[in-house]
Amino acid sequence: MKTLQQALLISGFFITLHCAGQDSLEFIPSRNLDLSENKTVVLVFPAAIASVDRGSAQVLARKAAGASNVLQIRAARAGFAPTNLNVITSDGALYPFDLRYNPSPLHLAFRISPVSGPGPIPVARLDHPSPGPVRLKEGAGMVHGKPGRVSGISDQRDRMRARLLGIYIRDEVLYFQMELSNQSPVPFDPVAPAFLVRDRRRPKRTAIQDGQVELLGIYGLSPVVRSGIRDTLVCALGKFTVTRDRYLSITFLESGGGRGLEMRVPGRKILNCEPLEGSPPGHRMD
């Protein structure tokens, strides 16, 4: 009798565990996307993209240059088998997608909002989470008014000038302090600067050779730099380094115009970045 009671207790225990395990599984709904091989679909997320996982190599995906929250995807070939895509953003939200081939997708651009439709599930715990927008803005504000301490990094042409003033680090985020000035009578309408790691040895550059650096935010960039004006701006980027055979290219282009500026930053300048208040010691390497 005692053995039977023990057996019933053990059976009940495992039944309880089984039910509890079922209750702990929560279904995360996926969104449907149609892709073709000759049209790019753009997804705009409410936070910076931290991770992208494709279910198949027949789907191409990349973050848009200069925008950490924009993903560009398309099919690598026609008629690919249905697959999936999982995107995790810097706030820990998970966005799953079901992908299928369609030679003529009806829609090509989507703004992914957590308040409309199936919302994201903030279940991902990032190993190195990016600081939130408030923390980034605070760091940029600390950098904006600092006197320049970096020399020798600039570009000047068409009576326009771009100059790197300083590089700082906080919370594993690099802050690039820059100055953009216009000495021409024609106003300059800048677009967001592009940050690319390029190879010194190959003058002919390709998308494979150029490595895009994640841009977390831009602060102080005026929509128009008028004649005789100097504007200071700060760009926040995810932590990175550059090898000796490569350099960081910072490019300013004119919206709808032909003017452009490029600054080339060697890796040693980045390694000599200055820690901001509130950063752990040991970042600077002289």
C-alpha atoms as a PDB file:
ATOM      1  CA  MET A   1       0.000   0.000   0.000  1.00  0.00           C
ATOM      2  CA  LYS A   2       2.792   2.382   0.918  1.00  0.00           C
ATOM      3  CA  THR A   3       4.578   1.590  -2.356  1.00  0.00           C
ATOM      4  CA  LEU A   4       1.382   2.342  -4.304  1.00  0.00           C
ATOM      5  CA  GLN A   5       0.987   5.713  -2.554  1.00  0.00           C
ATOM      6  CA  GLN A   6       4.579   6.636  -3.370  1.00  0.00           C
ATOM      7  CA  ALA A   7       4.041   5.686  -7.005  1.00  0.00           C
ATOM      8  CA  LEU A   8       0.907   7.848  -7.206  1.00  0.00           C
ATOM      9  CA  LEU A   9       2.740  10.804  -5.636  1.00  0.00           C
ATOM     10  CA  ILE A  10       5.618  10.477  -8.103  1.00  0.00           C
ATOM     11  CA  SER A  11       3.193  10.208 -11.043  1.00  0.00           C
ATOM     12  CA  GLY A  12       1.324  13.303  -9.864  1.00  0.00           C
ATOM     13  CA  PHE A  13       4.594  15.206  -9.537  1.00  0.00           C
ATOM     14  CA  PHE A  14       5.613  14.506 -13.141  1.00  0.00           C
ATOM     15  CA  ILE A  15       2.111  15.301 -14.440  1.00  0.00           C
ATOM     16  CA  THR A  16       2.311  18.665 -12.650  1.00  0.00           C
ATOM     17  CA  LEU A  17       5.731  19.371 -14.187  1.00  0.00           C
ATOM     18  CA  HIS A  18       4.429  18.457 -17.649  1.00  0.00           C
ATOM     19  CA  CYS A  19       1.452  20.800 -17.336  1.00  0.00           C
ATOM     20  CA  ALA A  20       3.627  23.593 -15.971  1.00  0.00           C
ATOM     21  CA  GLY A  21       5.985  23.166 -18.903  1.00  0.00           C
ATOM     22  CA  GLN A  22       3.064  23.459 -21.345  1.00  0.00           C
ATOM     23  CA  ASP A  23       1.782  26.606 -19.637  1.00  0.00           C
ATOM     24  CA  SER A  24       5.242  28.235 -19.863  1.00  0.00           C
ATOM     25  CA  LEU A  25       5.315  28.011 -23.679  1.00  0.00           C
ATOM     26  CA  GLU A  26       4.022  31.220 -25.218  1.00  0.00           C
ATOM     27  CA  PHE A  27       3.318  31.457 -28.935  1.00  0.00           C
ATOM     28  CA  ILE A  28       4.947  34.423 -30.694  1.00  0.00           C
ATOM     29  CA  PRO A  29       3.051  35.213 -33.915  1.00  0.00           C
ATOM     30  CA  SER A  30       5.003  35.788 -37.136  1.00  0.00           C
ATOM     31  CA  ARG A  31       4.399  38.406 -39.786  1.00  0.00           C
ATOM     32  CA  ASN A  32       4.134  37.415 -43.457  1.00  0.00           C
ATOM     33  CA  LEU A  33       6.421  38.985 -46.050  1.00  0.00           C
ATOM     34  CA  ASP A  34       6.581  38.511 -49.821  1.00  0.00           C
ATOM     35  CA  LEU A  35      10.001  38.800 -51.490  1.00  0.00           C
ATOM     36  CA  SER A  36      11.267  38.853 -55.066  1.00  0.00           C
ATOM     37  CA  GLU A  37      14.764  38.746 -56.548  1.00  0.00           C
ATOM     38  CA  ASN A  38      14.581  42.145 -58.278  1.00  0.00           C
ATOM     39  CA  LYS A  39      12.896  44.319 -55.632  1.00  0.00           C
ATOM     40  CA  THR A  40      14.172  45.263 -52.177  1.00  0.00           C
ATOM     41  CA  VAL A  41      11.812  45.211 -49.210  1.00  0.00           C
ATOM     42  CA  VAL A  42      12.596  47.691 -46.426  1.00  0.00           C
ATOM     43  CA  LEU A  43      11.696  47.118 -42.762  1.00  0.00           C
ATOM     44  CA  VAL A  44      11.886  50.048 -40.329  1.00  0.00           C
ATOM     45  CA  PHE A  45      12.061  48.948 -36.676  1.00  0.00           C
ATOM     46  CA  PRO A  46      11.356  51.099 -33.592  1.00  0.00           C
ATOM     47  CA  ALA A  47      14.843  50.367 -32.188  1.00  0.00           C
ATOM     48  CA  ALA A  48      18.339  49.579 -33.471  1.00  0.00           C
ATOM     49  CA  ILE A  49      18.812  46.103 -34.939  1.00  0.00           C
ATOM     50  CA  ALA A  50      20.986  43.878 -32.740  1.00  0.00           C
ATOM     51  CA  SER A  51      20.706  40.518 -34.523  1.00  0.00           C
ATOM     52  CA  VAL A  52      19.387  39.110 -37.826  1.00  0.00           C
ATOM     53  CA  ASP A  53      18.928  35.378 -38.461  1.00  0.00           C
ATOM     54  CA  ARG A  54      17.870  34.053 -41.872  1.00  0.00           C
ATOM     55  CA  GLY A  55      16.326  30.623 -42.213  1.00  0.00           C
ATOM     56  CA  SER A  56      17.829  30.194 -45.673  1.00  0.00           C
ATOM     57  CA  ALA A  57      20.783  31.515 -47.667  1.00  0.00           C
ATOM     58  CA  GLN A  58      18.310  32.157 -50.500  1.00  0.00           C
ATOM     59  CA  VAL A  59      17.304  35.343 -48.655  1.00  0.00           C
ATOM     60  CA  LEU A  60      19.642  38.348 -48.574  1.00  0.00           C
ATOM     61  CA  ALA A  61      19.457  40.763 -45.644  1.00  0.00           C
ATOM     62  CA  ARG A  62      21.547  43.766 -44.572  1.00  0.00           C
ATOM     63  CA  LYS A  63      21.211  46.880 -42.445  1.00  0.00           C
ATOM     64  CA  ALA A  64      20.827  50.101 -44.402  1.00  0.00           C
ATOM     65  CA  ALA A  65      23.885  52.370 -44.468  1.00  0.00           C
ATOM     66  CA  GLY A  66      23.637  55.079 -41.836  1.00  0.00           C
ATOM     67  CA  ALA A  67      20.457  53.702 -40.246  1.00  0.00           C
ATOM     68  CA  SER A  68      20.778  51.130 -37.453  1.00  0.00           C
ATOM     69  CA  ASN A  69      17.026  50.389 -37.358  1.00  0.00           C
ATOM     70  CA  VAL A  70      16.434  49.769 -41.080  1.00  0.00           C
ATOM     71  CA  LEU A  71      16.750  46.301 -42.658  1.00  0.00           C
ATOM     72  CA  GLN A  72      16.846  45.669 -46.415  1.00  0.00           C
ATOM     73  CA  ILE A  73      15.875  42.190 -47.650  1.00  0.00           C
ATOM     74  CA  ARG A  74      15.272  40.484 -50.983  1.00  0.00           C
ATOM     75  CA  ALA A  75      15.373  37.027 -52.548  1.00  0.00           C
ATOM     76  CA  ALA A  76      18.706  35.682 -53.784  1.00  0.00           C
ATOM     77  CA  ARG A  77      16.953  33.747 -56.542  1.00  0.00           C
ATOM     78  CA  ALA A  78      13.474  33.283 -57.968  1.00  0.00           C
ATOM     79  CA  GLY A  79      11.150  30.665 -56.519  1.00  0.00           C
ATOM     80  CA  PHE A  80      12.948  30.049 -53.211  1.00  0.00           C
ATOM     81  CA  ALA A  81      11.251  27.673 -50.758  1.00  0.00           C
ATOM     82  CA  PRO A  82       9.280  29.333 -47.918  1.00  0.00           C
ATOM     83  CA  THR A  83      11.536  30.197 -44.997  1.00  0.00           C
ATOM     84  CA  ASN A  84      11.720  32.532 -42.016  1.00  0.00           C
ATOM     85  CA  LEU A  85      13.563  35.535 -40.595  1.00  0.00           C
ATOM     86  CA  ASN A  86      14.135  36.515 -36.959  1.00  0.00           C
ATOM     87  CA  VAL A  87      15.169  40.034 -35.942  1.00  0.00           C
ATOM     88  CA  ILE A  88      16.172  41.087 -32.409  1.00  0.00           C
ATOM     89  CA  THR A  89      16.390  44.793 -31.633  1.00  0.00           C
ATOM     90  CA  SER A  90      18.520  46.570 -29.053  1.00  0.00           C
ATOM     91  CA  ASP A  91      15.602  46.794 -26.604  1.00  0.00           C
ATOM     92  CA  GLY A  92      15.351  42.985 -26.476  1.00  0.00           C
ATOM     93  CA  ALA A  93      12.264  42.732 -28.707  1.00  0.00           C
ATOM     94  CA  LEU A  94      11.942  39.700 -31.002  1.00  0.00           C
ATOM     95  CA  TYR A  95      10.304  40.061 -34.435  1.00  0.00           C
ATOM     96  CA  PRO A  96       9.704  36.767 -36.337  1.00  0.00           C
ATOM     97  CA  PHE A  97       8.724  36.768 -40.037  1.00  0.00           C
ATOM     98  CA  ASP A  98       7.506  34.105 -42.466  1.00  0.00           C
ATOM     99  CA  LEU A  99       8.999  34.682 -45.928  1.00  0.00           C
ATOM    100  CA  ARG A 100       7.688  33.442 -49.256  1.00  0.00           C
ATOM    101  CA  TYR A 101       8.466  34.164 -52.906  1.00  0.00           C
ATOM    102  CA  ASN A 102       6.299  36.543 -54.897  1.00  0.00           C
ATOM    103  CA  PRO A 103       7.553  37.944 -58.247  1.00  0.00           C
ATOM    104  CA  SER A 104       5.543  41.160 -57.670  1.00  0.00           C
ATOM    105  CA  PRO A 105       5.241  42.050 -53.965  1.00  0.00           C
ATOM    106  CA  LEU A 106       2.324  44.361 -53.276  1.00  0.00           C
ATOM    107  CA  HIS A 107       4.198  46.393 -50.619  1.00  0.00           C
ATOM    108  CA  LEU A 108       7.923  47.198 -50.437  1.00  0.00           C
ATOM    109  CA  ALA A 109       8.303  49.269 -47.248  1.00  0.00           C
ATOM    110  CA  PHE A 110       7.013  48.506 -43.755  1.00  0.00           C
ATOM    111  CA  ARG A 111       7.226  50.427 -40.510  1.00  0.00           C
ATOM    112  CA  ILE A 112       7.263  47.864 -37.716  1.00  0.00           C
ATOM    113  CA  SER A 113       5.473  49.338 -34.728  1.00  0.00           C
ATOM    114  CA  PRO A 114       5.090  47.643 -31.322  1.00  0.00           C
ATOM    115  CA  VAL A 115       1.625  49.161 -30.871  1.00  0.00           C
ATOM    116  CA  SER A 116      -0.041  48.013 -34.106  1.00  0.00           C
ATOM    117  CA  GLY A 117      -0.701  44.393 -34.972  1.00  0.00           C
ATOM    118  CA  PRO A 118       1.131  41.534 -33.249  1.00  0.00           C
ATOM    119  CA  GLY A 119       3.553  43.291 -30.925  1.00  0.00           C
ATOM    120  CA  PRO A 120       7.167  42.362 -30.229  1.00  0.00           C
ATOM    121  CA  ILE A 121       8.007  40.143 -27.272  1.00  0.00           C
ATOM    122  CA  PRO A 122      10.808  41.652 -25.124  1.00  0.00           C
ATOM    123  CA  VAL A 123      12.298  38.310 -24.132  1.00  0.00           C
ATOM    124  CA  ALA A 124      15.823  38.503 -25.594  1.00  0.00           C
ATOM    125  CA  ARG A 125      18.615  39.196 -23.118  1.00  0.00           C
ATOM    126  CA  LEU A 126      21.463  40.767 -25.081  1.00  0.00           C
ATOM    127  CA  ASP A 127      25.063  39.982 -24.110  1.00  0.00           C
ATOM    128  CA  HIS A 128      26.090  43.593 -24.722  1.00  0.00           C
ATOM    129  CA  PRO A 129      22.929  45.705 -24.835  1.00  0.00           C
ATOM    130  CA  SER A 130      23.186  49.149 -26.387  1.00  0.00           C
ATOM    131  CA  PRO A 131      22.373  52.066 -24.101  1.00  0.00           C
ATOM    132  CA  GLY A 132      18.933  53.561 -24.562  1.00  0.00           C
ATOM    133  CA  PRO A 133      18.232  56.799 -26.468  1.00  0.00           C
ATOM    134  CA  VAL A 134      18.270  58.884 -23.271  1.00  0.00           C
ATOM    135  CA  ARG A 135      21.734  57.604 -22.315  1.00  0.00           C
ATOM    136  CA  LEU A 136      23.030  58.131 -25.874  1.00  0.00           C
ATOM    137  CA  LYS A 137      21.694  61.686 -25.985  1.00  0.00           C
ATOM    138  CA  GLU A 138      23.275  62.384 -22.603  1.00  0.00           C
ATOM    139  CA  GLY A 139      26.664  61.168 -23.853  1.00  0.00           C
ATOM    140  CA  ALA A 140      26.377  63.212 -27.037  1.00  0.00           C
ATOM    141  CA  GLY A 141      25.560  66.300 -24.978  1.00  0.00           C
ATOM    142  CA  MET A 142      28.709  65.772 -22.904  1.00  0.00           C
ATOM    143  CA  VAL A 143      30.799  65.581 -26.092  1.00  0.00           C
ATOM    144  CA  HIS A 144      29.200  68.380 -28.124  1.00  0.00           C
ATOM    145  CA  GLY A 145      30.725  71.330 -26.283  1.00  0.00           C
ATOM    146  CA  LYS A 146      34.194  69.872 -25.662  1.00  0.00           C
ATOM    147  CA  PRO A 147      37.220  71.570 -27.239  1.00  0.00           C
ATOM    148  CA  GLY A 148      38.737  69.638 -30.121  1.00  0.00           C
ATOM    149  CA  ARG A 149      41.675  67.388 -29.215  1.00  0.00           C
ATOM    150  CA  VAL A 150      42.143  65.447 -32.481  1.00  0.00           C
ATOM    151  CA  SER A 151      44.231  67.105 -35.199  1.00  0.00           C
ATOM    152  CA  GLY A 152      45.090  66.274 -38.778  1.00  0.00           C
ATOM    153  CA  ILE A 153      41.825  64.575 -39.778  1.00  0.00           C
ATOM    154  CA  SER A 154      39.834  66.736 -42.222  1.00  0.00           C
ATOM    155  CA  ASP A 155      38.749  67.171 -45.838  1.00  0.00           C
ATOM    156  CA  GLN A 156      38.216  70.378 -47.776  1.00  0.00           C
ATOM    157  CA  ARG A 157      36.821  70.879 -51.250  1.00  0.00           C
ATOM    158  CA  ASP A 158      34.287  73.046 -53.090  1.00  0.00           C
ATOM    159  CA  ARG A 159      34.700  75.608 -50.267  1.00  0.00           C
ATOM    160  CA  MET A 160      33.292  73.065 -47.810  1.00  0.00           C
ATOM    161  CA  ARG A 161      35.213  71.559 -44.905  1.00  0.00           C
ATOM    162  CA  ALA A 162      34.701  68.575 -42.607  1.00  0.00           C
ATOM    163  CA  ARG A 163      36.929  68.185 -39.546  1.00  0.00           C
ATOM    164  CA  LEU A 164      37.158  65.529 -36.826  1.00  0.00           C
ATOM    165  CA  LEU A 165      37.384  67.231 -33.426  1.00  0.00           C
ATOM    166  CA  GLY A 166      37.423  64.315 -30.977  1.00  0.00           C
ATOM    167  CA  ILE A 167      36.660  60.664 -30.306  1.00  0.00           C
ATOM    168  CA  TYR A 168      35.216  59.606 -26.940  1.00  0.00           C
ATOM    169  CA  ILE A 169      33.925  56.372 -25.413  1.00  0.00           C
ATOM    170  CA  ARG A 170      31.206  55.593 -22.867  1.00  0.00           C
ATOM    171  CA  ASP A 171      29.164  52.421 -22.283  1.00  0.00           C
ATOM    172  CA  GLU A 172      31.064  50.720 -25.145  1.00  0.00           C
ATOM    173  CA  VAL A 173      29.773  53.436 -27.495  1.00  0.00           C
ATOM    174  CA  LEU A 174      32.165  55.628 -29.510  1.00  0.00           C
ATOM    175  CA  TYR A 175      31.210  59.288 -29.922  1.00  0.00           C
ATOM    176  CA  PHE A 176      32.699  61.104 -32.924  1.00  0.00           C
ATOM    177  CA  GLN A 177      32.678  64.896 -32.542  1.00  0.00           C
ATOM    178  CA  MET A 178      32.888  66.645 -35.921  1.00  0.00           C
ATOM    179  CA  GLU A 179      32.627  70.080 -37.480  1.00  0.00           C
ATOM    180  CA  LEU A 180      31.031  70.875 -40.836  1.00  0.00           C
ATOM    181  CA  SER A 181      31.613  74.357 -42.298  1.00  0.00           C
ATOM    182  CA  ASN A 182      30.483  76.092 -45.470  1.00  0.00           C
ATOM    183  CA  GLN A 183      32.445  78.961 -47.012  1.00  0.00           C
ATOM    184  CA  SER A 184      30.567  78.901 -50.314  1.00  0.00           C
ATOM    185  CA  PRO A 185      27.527  81.088 -51.084  1.00  0.00           C
ATOM    186  CA  VAL A 186      25.457  77.971 -51.805  1.00  0.00           C
ATOM    187  CA  PRO A 187      23.785  76.268 -48.776  1.00  0.00           C
ATOM    188  CA  PHE A 188      24.828  72.664 -48.155  1.00  0.00           C
ATOM    189  CA  ASP A 189      22.071  70.133 -47.361  1.00  0.00           C
ATOM    190  CA  PRO A 190      23.872  67.184 -45.708  1.00  0.00           C
ATOM    191  CA  VAL A 191      22.549  63.658 -45.457  1.00  0.00           C
ATOM    192  CA  ALA A 192      23.473  61.397 -42.544  1.00  0.00           C
ATOM    193  CA  PRO A 193      27.222  60.642 -42.697  1.00  0.00           C
ATOM    194  CA  ALA A 194      28.313  57.148 -43.676  1.00  0.00           C
ATOM    195  CA  PHE A 195      30.912  55.264 -41.607  1.00  0.00           C
ATOM    196  CA  LEU A 196      32.744  52.526 -43.523  1.00  0.00           C
ATOM    197  CA  VAL A 197      35.891  50.518 -42.762  1.00  0.00           C
ATOM    198  CA  ARG A 198      37.890  50.344 -45.986  1.00  0.00           C
ATOM    199  CA  ASP A 199      40.995  48.562 -47.253  1.00  0.00           C
ATOM    200  CA  ARG A 200      44.057  50.756 -47.862  1.00  0.00           C
ATOM    201  CA  ARG A 201      45.540  48.447 -50.486  1.00  0.00           C
ATOM    202  CA  ARG A 202      42.680  48.261 -52.959  1.00  0.00           C
ATOM    203  CA  PRO A 203      41.658  51.506 -54.629  1.00  0.00           C
ATOM    204  CA  LYS A 204      38.703  49.790 -56.291  1.00  0.00           C
ATOM    205  CA  ARG A 205      36.191  49.268 -53.503  1.00  0.00           C
ATOM    206  CA  THR A 206      33.349  46.821 -53.397  1.00  0.00           C
ATOM    207  CA  ALA A 207      30.538  46.168 -50.960  1.00  0.00           C
ATOM    208  CA  ILE A 208      32.431  43.130 -49.689  1.00  0.00           C
ATOM    209  CA  GLN A 209      35.628  45.081 -49.003  1.00  0.00           C
ATOM    210  CA  ASP A 210      33.792  47.933 -47.242  1.00  0.00           C
ATOM    211  CA  GLY A 211      32.543  47.145 -43.740  1.00  0.00           C
ATOM    212  CA  GLN A 212      29.665  49.231 -42.449  1.00  0.00           C
ATOM    213  CA  VAL A 213      29.890  50.499 -38.863  1.00  0.00           C
ATOM    214  CA  GLU A 214      26.669  50.560 -36.854  1.00  0.00           C
ATOM    215  CA  LEU A 215      25.424  54.130 -36.390  1.00  0.00           C
ATOM    216  CA  LEU A 216      23.393  54.399 -33.171  1.00  0.00           C
ATOM    217  CA  GLY A 217      22.468  58.067 -33.368  1.00  0.00           C
ATOM    218  CA  ILE A 218      23.264  61.512 -34.807  1.00  0.00           C
ATOM    219  CA  TYR A 219      23.021  64.663 -32.703  1.00  0.00           C
ATOM    220  CA  GLY A 220      23.341  68.288 -33.823  1.00  0.00           C
ATOM    221  CA  LEU A 221      23.256  67.689 -37.600  1.00  0.00           C
ATOM    222  CA  SER A 222      21.534  70.721 -39.159  1.00  0.00           C
ATOM    223  CA  PRO A 223      19.305  70.119 -42.198  1.00  0.00           C
ATOM    224  CA  VAL A 224      21.058  73.050 -43.927  1.00  0.00           C
ATOM    225  CA  VAL A 225      24.595  74.400 -43.423  1.00  0.00           C
ATOM    226  CA  ARG A 226      24.346  77.952 -44.719  1.00  0.00           C
ATOM    227  CA  SER A 227      27.133  80.144 -46.025  1.00  0.00           C
ATOM    228  CA  GLY A 228      29.632  81.187 -43.366  1.00  0.00           C
ATOM    229  CA  ILE A 229      28.279  78.726 -40.779  1.00  0.00           C
ATOM    230  CA  ARG A 230      30.174  76.107 -38.745  1.00  0.00           C
ATOM    231  CA  ASP A 231      28.085  73.287 -37.308  1.00  0.00           C
ATOM    232  CA  THR A 232      29.244  70.820 -34.663  1.00  0.00           C
ATOM    233  CA  LEU A 233      27.653  67.394 -34.638  1.00  0.00           C
ATOM    234  CA  VAL A 234      28.154  64.166 -32.683  1.00  0.00           C
ATOM    235  CA  CYS A 235      27.670  60.633 -34.030  1.00  0.00           C
ATOM    236  CA  ALA A 236      27.328  57.636 -31.708  1.00  0.00           C
ATOM    237  CA  LEU A 237      28.615  54.301 -33.015  1.00  0.00           C
ATOM    238  CA  GLY A 238      28.871  50.811 -31.629  1.00  0.00           C
ATOM    239  CA  LYS A 239      32.363  49.975 -30.348  1.00  0.00           C
ATOM    240  CA  PHE A 240      34.815  48.803 -33.031  1.00  0.00           C
ATOM    241  CA  THR A 241      38.501  48.871 -33.945  1.00  0.00           C
ATOM    242  CA  VAL A 242      40.383  49.112 -37.260  1.00  0.00           C
ATOM    243  CA  THR A 243      43.426  47.065 -38.291  1.00  0.00           C
ATOM    244  CA  ARG A 244      46.583  48.714 -39.641  1.00  0.00           C
ATOM    245  CA  ASP A 245      45.831  47.834 -43.268  1.00  0.00           C
ATOM    246  CA  ARG A 246      42.425  49.514 -43.127  1.00  0.00           C
ATOM    247  CA  TYR A 247      40.965  52.893 -42.205  1.00  0.00           C
ATOM    248  CA  LEU A 248      37.636  54.403 -41.178  1.00  0.00           C
ATOM    249  CA  SER A 249      35.982  56.477 -43.905  1.00  0.00           C
ATOM    250  CA  ILE A 250      33.541  59.202 -42.762  1.00  0.00           C
ATOM    251  CA  THR A 251      31.628  60.585 -45.751  1.00  0.00           C
ATOM    252  CA  PHE A 252      29.330  63.590 -45.940  1.00  0.00           C
ATOM    253  CA  LEU A 253      27.215  63.863 -49.098  1.00  0.00           C
ATOM    254  CA  GLU A 254      24.891  66.594 -50.283  1.00  0.00           C
ATOM    255  CA  SER A 255      21.208  65.762 -50.643  1.00  0.00           C
ATOM    256  CA  GLY A 256      20.309  66.195 -54.304  1.00  0.00           C
ATOM    257  CA  GLY A 257      23.707  67.750 -55.071  1.00  0.00           C
ATOM    258  CA  GLY A 258      27.183  66.867 -56.241  1.00  0.00           C
ATOM    259  CA  ARG A 259      29.352  67.969 -53.320  1.00  0.00           C
ATOM    260  CA  GLY A 260      30.884  65.496 -50.908  1.00  0.00           C
ATOM    261  CA  LEU A 261      33.572  65.240 -48.232  1.00  0.00           C
ATOM    262  CA  GLU A 262      35.492  62.221 -46.926  1.00  0.00           C
ATOM    263  CA  MET A 263      37.652  62.017 -43.801  1.00  0.00           C
ATOM    264  CA  ARG A 264      40.016  59.078 -43.336  1.00  0.00           C
ATOM    265  CA  VAL A 265      40.613  58.020 -39.735  1.00  0.00           C
ATOM    266  CA  PRO A 266      43.434  55.549 -38.941  1.00  0.00           C
ATOM    267  CA  GLY A 267      42.893  52.895 -36.322  1.00  0.00           C
ATOM    268  CA  ARG A 268      45.328  54.453 -33.849  1.00  0.00           C
ATOM    269  CA  LYS A 269      43.119  57.537 -33.534  1.00  0.00           C
ATOM    270  CA  ILE A 270      40.216  55.336 -32.443  1.00  0.00           C
ATOM    271  CA  LEU A 271      42.386  53.460 -29.925  1.00  0.00           C
ATOM    272  CA  ASN A 272      43.379  56.826 -28.410  1.00  0.00           C
ATOM    273  CA  CYS A 273      39.761  57.766 -27.716  1.00  0.00           C
ATOM    274  CA  GLU A 274      39.071  59.652 -24.493  1.00  0.00           C
ATOM    275  CA  PRO A 275      36.766  58.107 -21.848  1.00  0.00           C
ATOM    276  CA  LEU A 276      33.791  60.204 -20.817  1.00  0.00           C
ATOM    277  CA  GLU A 277      32.726  60.643 -17.203  1.00  0.00           C
ATOM    278  CA  GLY A 278      30.951  57.492 -16.071  1.00  0.00           C
ATOM    279  CA  SER A 279      33.016  55.179 -18.309  1.00  0.00           C
ATOM    280  CA  PRO A 280      35.087  52.356 -16.799  1.00  0.00           C
ATOM    281  CA  PRO A 281      38.834  53.153 -16.689  1.00  0.00           C
ATOM    282  CA  GLY A 282      41.356  51.684 -19.084  1.00  0.00           C
ATOM    283  CA  HIS A 283      39.845  52.688 -22.437  1.00  0.00           C
ATOM    284  CA  ARG A 284      42.593  55.024 -23.537  1.00  0.00           C
ATOM    285  CA  MET A 285      45.658  53.447 -25.156  1.00  0.00           C
ATOM    286  CA  ASP A 286      48.420  55.968 -25.782  1.00  0.00           C
END
